[in-house]
């Protein structure tokens, strides 16, 4: 009897690798992701990304996360850009 779903091991490994990369990138800082742009139109997505690059509005590109949620017949594809925001440091003790 198998106790795991096909692809589960790969998915868990990828999630763990993602957590390790985030910890290395952000110095172990805790924080959260804030959505800064979301659209269903690929042209609007490309234009927004070009504008960010041209205007140099992002000081550290490693703090951005790009999500593409593939659509189906009932839902369109969604493009989402999120920014990692570190939590305020607790210096009380």
C-alpha atoms as a PDB file:
ATOM      1  CA  UNK A   1       0.000   0.000   0.000  1.00  0.00           C
ATOM      2  CA  UNK A   2       1.374   3.392  -0.992  1.00  0.00           C
ATOM      3  CA  UNK A   3       0.976   6.194   1.494  1.00  0.00           C
ATOM      4  CA  UNK A   4       1.833   9.112  -0.776  1.00  0.00           C
ATOM      5  CA  UNK A   5       0.129  10.783  -3.689  1.00  0.00           C
ATOM      6  CA  UNK A   6       1.981  10.771  -7.035  1.00  0.00           C
ATOM      7  CA  UNK A   7       4.098  13.905  -7.287  1.00  0.00           C
ATOM      8  CA  UNK A   8       3.822  14.657  -3.578  1.00  0.00           C
ATOM      9  CA  UNK A   9       7.486  13.945  -2.830  1.00  0.00           C
ATOM     10  CA  UNK A  10       8.613  16.260  -5.642  1.00  0.00           C
ATOM     11  CA  UNK A  11       6.195  18.990  -4.547  1.00  0.00           C
ATOM     12  CA  UNK A  12       7.317  18.780  -0.910  1.00  0.00           C
ATOM     13  CA  UNK A  13      10.973  18.896  -1.974  1.00  0.00           C
ATOM     14  CA  UNK A  14      10.298  21.972  -4.125  1.00  0.00           C
ATOM     15  CA  UNK A  15       8.454  23.682  -1.265  1.00  0.00           C
ATOM     16  CA  UNK A  16      11.330  22.987   1.114  1.00  0.00           C
ATOM     17  CA  UNK A  17      13.864  24.299  -1.420  1.00  0.00           C
ATOM     18  CA  UNK A  18      11.741  27.415  -1.836  1.00  0.00           C
ATOM     19  CA  UNK A  19      11.686  27.973   1.946  1.00  0.00           C
ATOM     20  CA  UNK A  20      15.457  27.522   2.115  1.00  0.00           C
ATOM     21  CA  UNK A  21      16.019  30.016  -0.738  1.00  0.00           C
ATOM     22  CA  UNK A  22      13.737  32.544   0.943  1.00  0.00           C
ATOM     23  CA  UNK A  23      15.538  32.129   4.266  1.00  0.00           C
ATOM     24  CA  UNK A  24      18.904  32.627   2.562  1.00  0.00           C
ATOM     25  CA  UNK A  25      17.689  35.597   0.542  1.00  0.00           C
ATOM     26  CA  UNK A  26      15.952  37.405   3.389  1.00  0.00           C
ATOM     27  CA  UNK A  27      18.454  36.485   6.095  1.00  0.00           C
ATOM     28  CA  UNK A  28      15.928  34.413   7.992  1.00  0.00           C
ATOM     29  CA  UNK A  29      13.720  37.461   8.477  1.00  0.00           C
ATOM     30  CA  UNK A  30      10.067  36.722   8.990  1.00  0.00           C
ATOM     31  CA  UNK A  31       7.594  38.615   6.888  1.00  0.00           C
ATOM     32  CA  UNK A  32       4.758  38.326   4.444  1.00  0.00           C
ATOM     33  CA  UNK A  33       3.995  38.786   0.756  1.00  0.00           C
ATOM     34  CA  UNK A  34       1.928  41.766  -0.386  1.00  0.00           C
ATOM     35  CA  UNK A  35       0.302  41.700  -3.814  1.00  0.00           C
ATOM     36  CA  UNK A  36       1.331  44.856  -5.689  1.00  0.00           C
ATOM     37  CA  UNK A  37      -0.119  44.043  -9.111  1.00  0.00           C
ATOM     38  CA  UNK A  38      -2.624  41.531 -10.472  1.00  0.00           C
ATOM     39  CA  UNK A  39      -4.281  41.204 -13.869  1.00  0.00           C
ATOM     40  CA  UNK A  40      -5.898  38.736 -16.244  1.00  0.00           C
ATOM     41  CA  UNK A  41      -4.419  40.419 -19.321  1.00  0.00           C
ATOM     42  CA  UNK A  42      -0.970  39.344 -20.478  1.00  0.00           C
ATOM     43  CA  UNK A  43      -0.380  42.634 -22.316  1.00  0.00           C
ATOM     44  CA  UNK A  44      -1.048  44.647 -19.140  1.00  0.00           C
ATOM     45  CA  UNK A  45       1.266  42.302 -17.225  1.00  0.00           C
ATOM     46  CA  UNK A  46       4.121  42.770 -19.695  1.00  0.00           C
ATOM     47  CA  UNK A  47       3.648  46.532 -19.748  1.00  0.00           C
ATOM     48  CA  UNK A  48       3.728  46.747 -15.947  1.00  0.00           C
ATOM     49  CA  UNK A  49       6.931  44.680 -15.774  1.00  0.00           C
ATOM     50  CA  UNK A  50       8.584  46.818 -18.490  1.00  0.00           C
ATOM     51  CA  UNK A  51       7.653  49.975 -16.616  1.00  0.00           C
ATOM     52  CA  UNK A  52       9.105  48.627 -13.349  1.00  0.00           C
ATOM     53  CA  UNK A  53      12.371  47.826 -15.093  1.00  0.00           C
ATOM     54  CA  UNK A  54      12.527  51.129 -16.972  1.00  0.00           C
ATOM     55  CA  UNK A  55      11.765  53.296 -13.938  1.00  0.00           C
ATOM     56  CA  UNK A  56      14.067  51.332 -11.591  1.00  0.00           C
ATOM     57  CA  UNK A  57      11.351  51.260  -8.936  1.00  0.00           C
ATOM     58  CA  UNK A  58      12.482  47.983  -7.378  1.00  0.00           C
ATOM     59  CA  UNK A  59      15.700  48.207  -5.349  1.00  0.00           C
ATOM     60  CA  UNK A  60      15.993  44.424  -4.827  1.00  0.00           C
ATOM     61  CA  UNK A  61      14.425  42.145  -7.451  1.00  0.00           C
ATOM     62  CA  UNK A  62      14.943  39.099  -5.229  1.00  0.00           C
ATOM     63  CA  UNK A  63      12.155  40.435  -3.001  1.00  0.00           C
ATOM     64  CA  UNK A  64       9.587  39.993  -5.780  1.00  0.00           C
ATOM     65  CA  UNK A  65       7.555  36.875  -6.447  1.00  0.00           C
ATOM     66  CA  UNK A  66       5.813  36.205  -9.740  1.00  0.00           C
ATOM     67  CA  UNK A  67       2.781  33.915  -9.713  1.00  0.00           C
ATOM     68  CA  UNK A  68       0.992  32.754 -12.843  1.00  0.00           C
ATOM     69  CA  UNK A  69      -2.242  30.947 -12.148  1.00  0.00           C
ATOM     70  CA  UNK A  70      -3.128  29.006 -15.262  1.00  0.00           C
ATOM     71  CA  UNK A  71      -6.702  29.468 -16.300  1.00  0.00           C
ATOM     72  CA  UNK A  72      -9.182  26.984 -17.628  1.00  0.00           C
ATOM     73  CA  UNK A  73     -12.403  27.395 -19.521  1.00  0.00           C
ATOM     74  CA  UNK A  74     -14.251  29.041 -16.638  1.00  0.00           C
ATOM     75  CA  UNK A  75     -11.392  31.151 -15.241  1.00  0.00           C
ATOM     76  CA  UNK A  76      -8.844  33.249 -17.118  1.00  0.00           C
ATOM     77  CA  UNK A  77      -5.111  33.064 -16.452  1.00  0.00           C
ATOM     78  CA  UNK A  78      -4.102  35.397 -13.629  1.00  0.00           C
ATOM     79  CA  UNK A  79      -0.736  37.152 -13.377  1.00  0.00           C
ATOM     80  CA  UNK A  80       0.274  38.336  -9.913  1.00  0.00           C
ATOM     81  CA  UNK A  81       3.330  40.211  -8.647  1.00  0.00           C
ATOM     82  CA  UNK A  82       4.027  40.198  -4.898  1.00  0.00           C
ATOM     83  CA  UNK A  83       6.605  42.001  -2.772  1.00  0.00           C
ATOM     84  CA  UNK A  84       8.152  40.485   0.371  1.00  0.00           C
ATOM     85  CA  UNK A  85       7.705  42.810   3.336  1.00  0.00           C
ATOM     86  CA  UNK A  86       9.820  41.917   6.383  1.00  0.00           C
ATOM     87  CA  UNK A  87       8.071  42.139   9.724  1.00  0.00           C
ATOM     88  CA  UNK A  88       9.193  44.949  12.002  1.00  0.00           C
ATOM     89  CA  UNK A  89      12.037  43.818  14.248  1.00  0.00           C
ATOM     90  CA  UNK A  90      11.023  43.278  17.845  1.00  0.00           C
ATOM     91  CA  UNK A  91      13.632  45.145  19.893  1.00  0.00           C
ATOM     92  CA  UNK A  92      11.760  44.959  23.190  1.00  0.00           C
ATOM     93  CA  UNK A  93      13.845  42.256  24.746  1.00  0.00           C
END
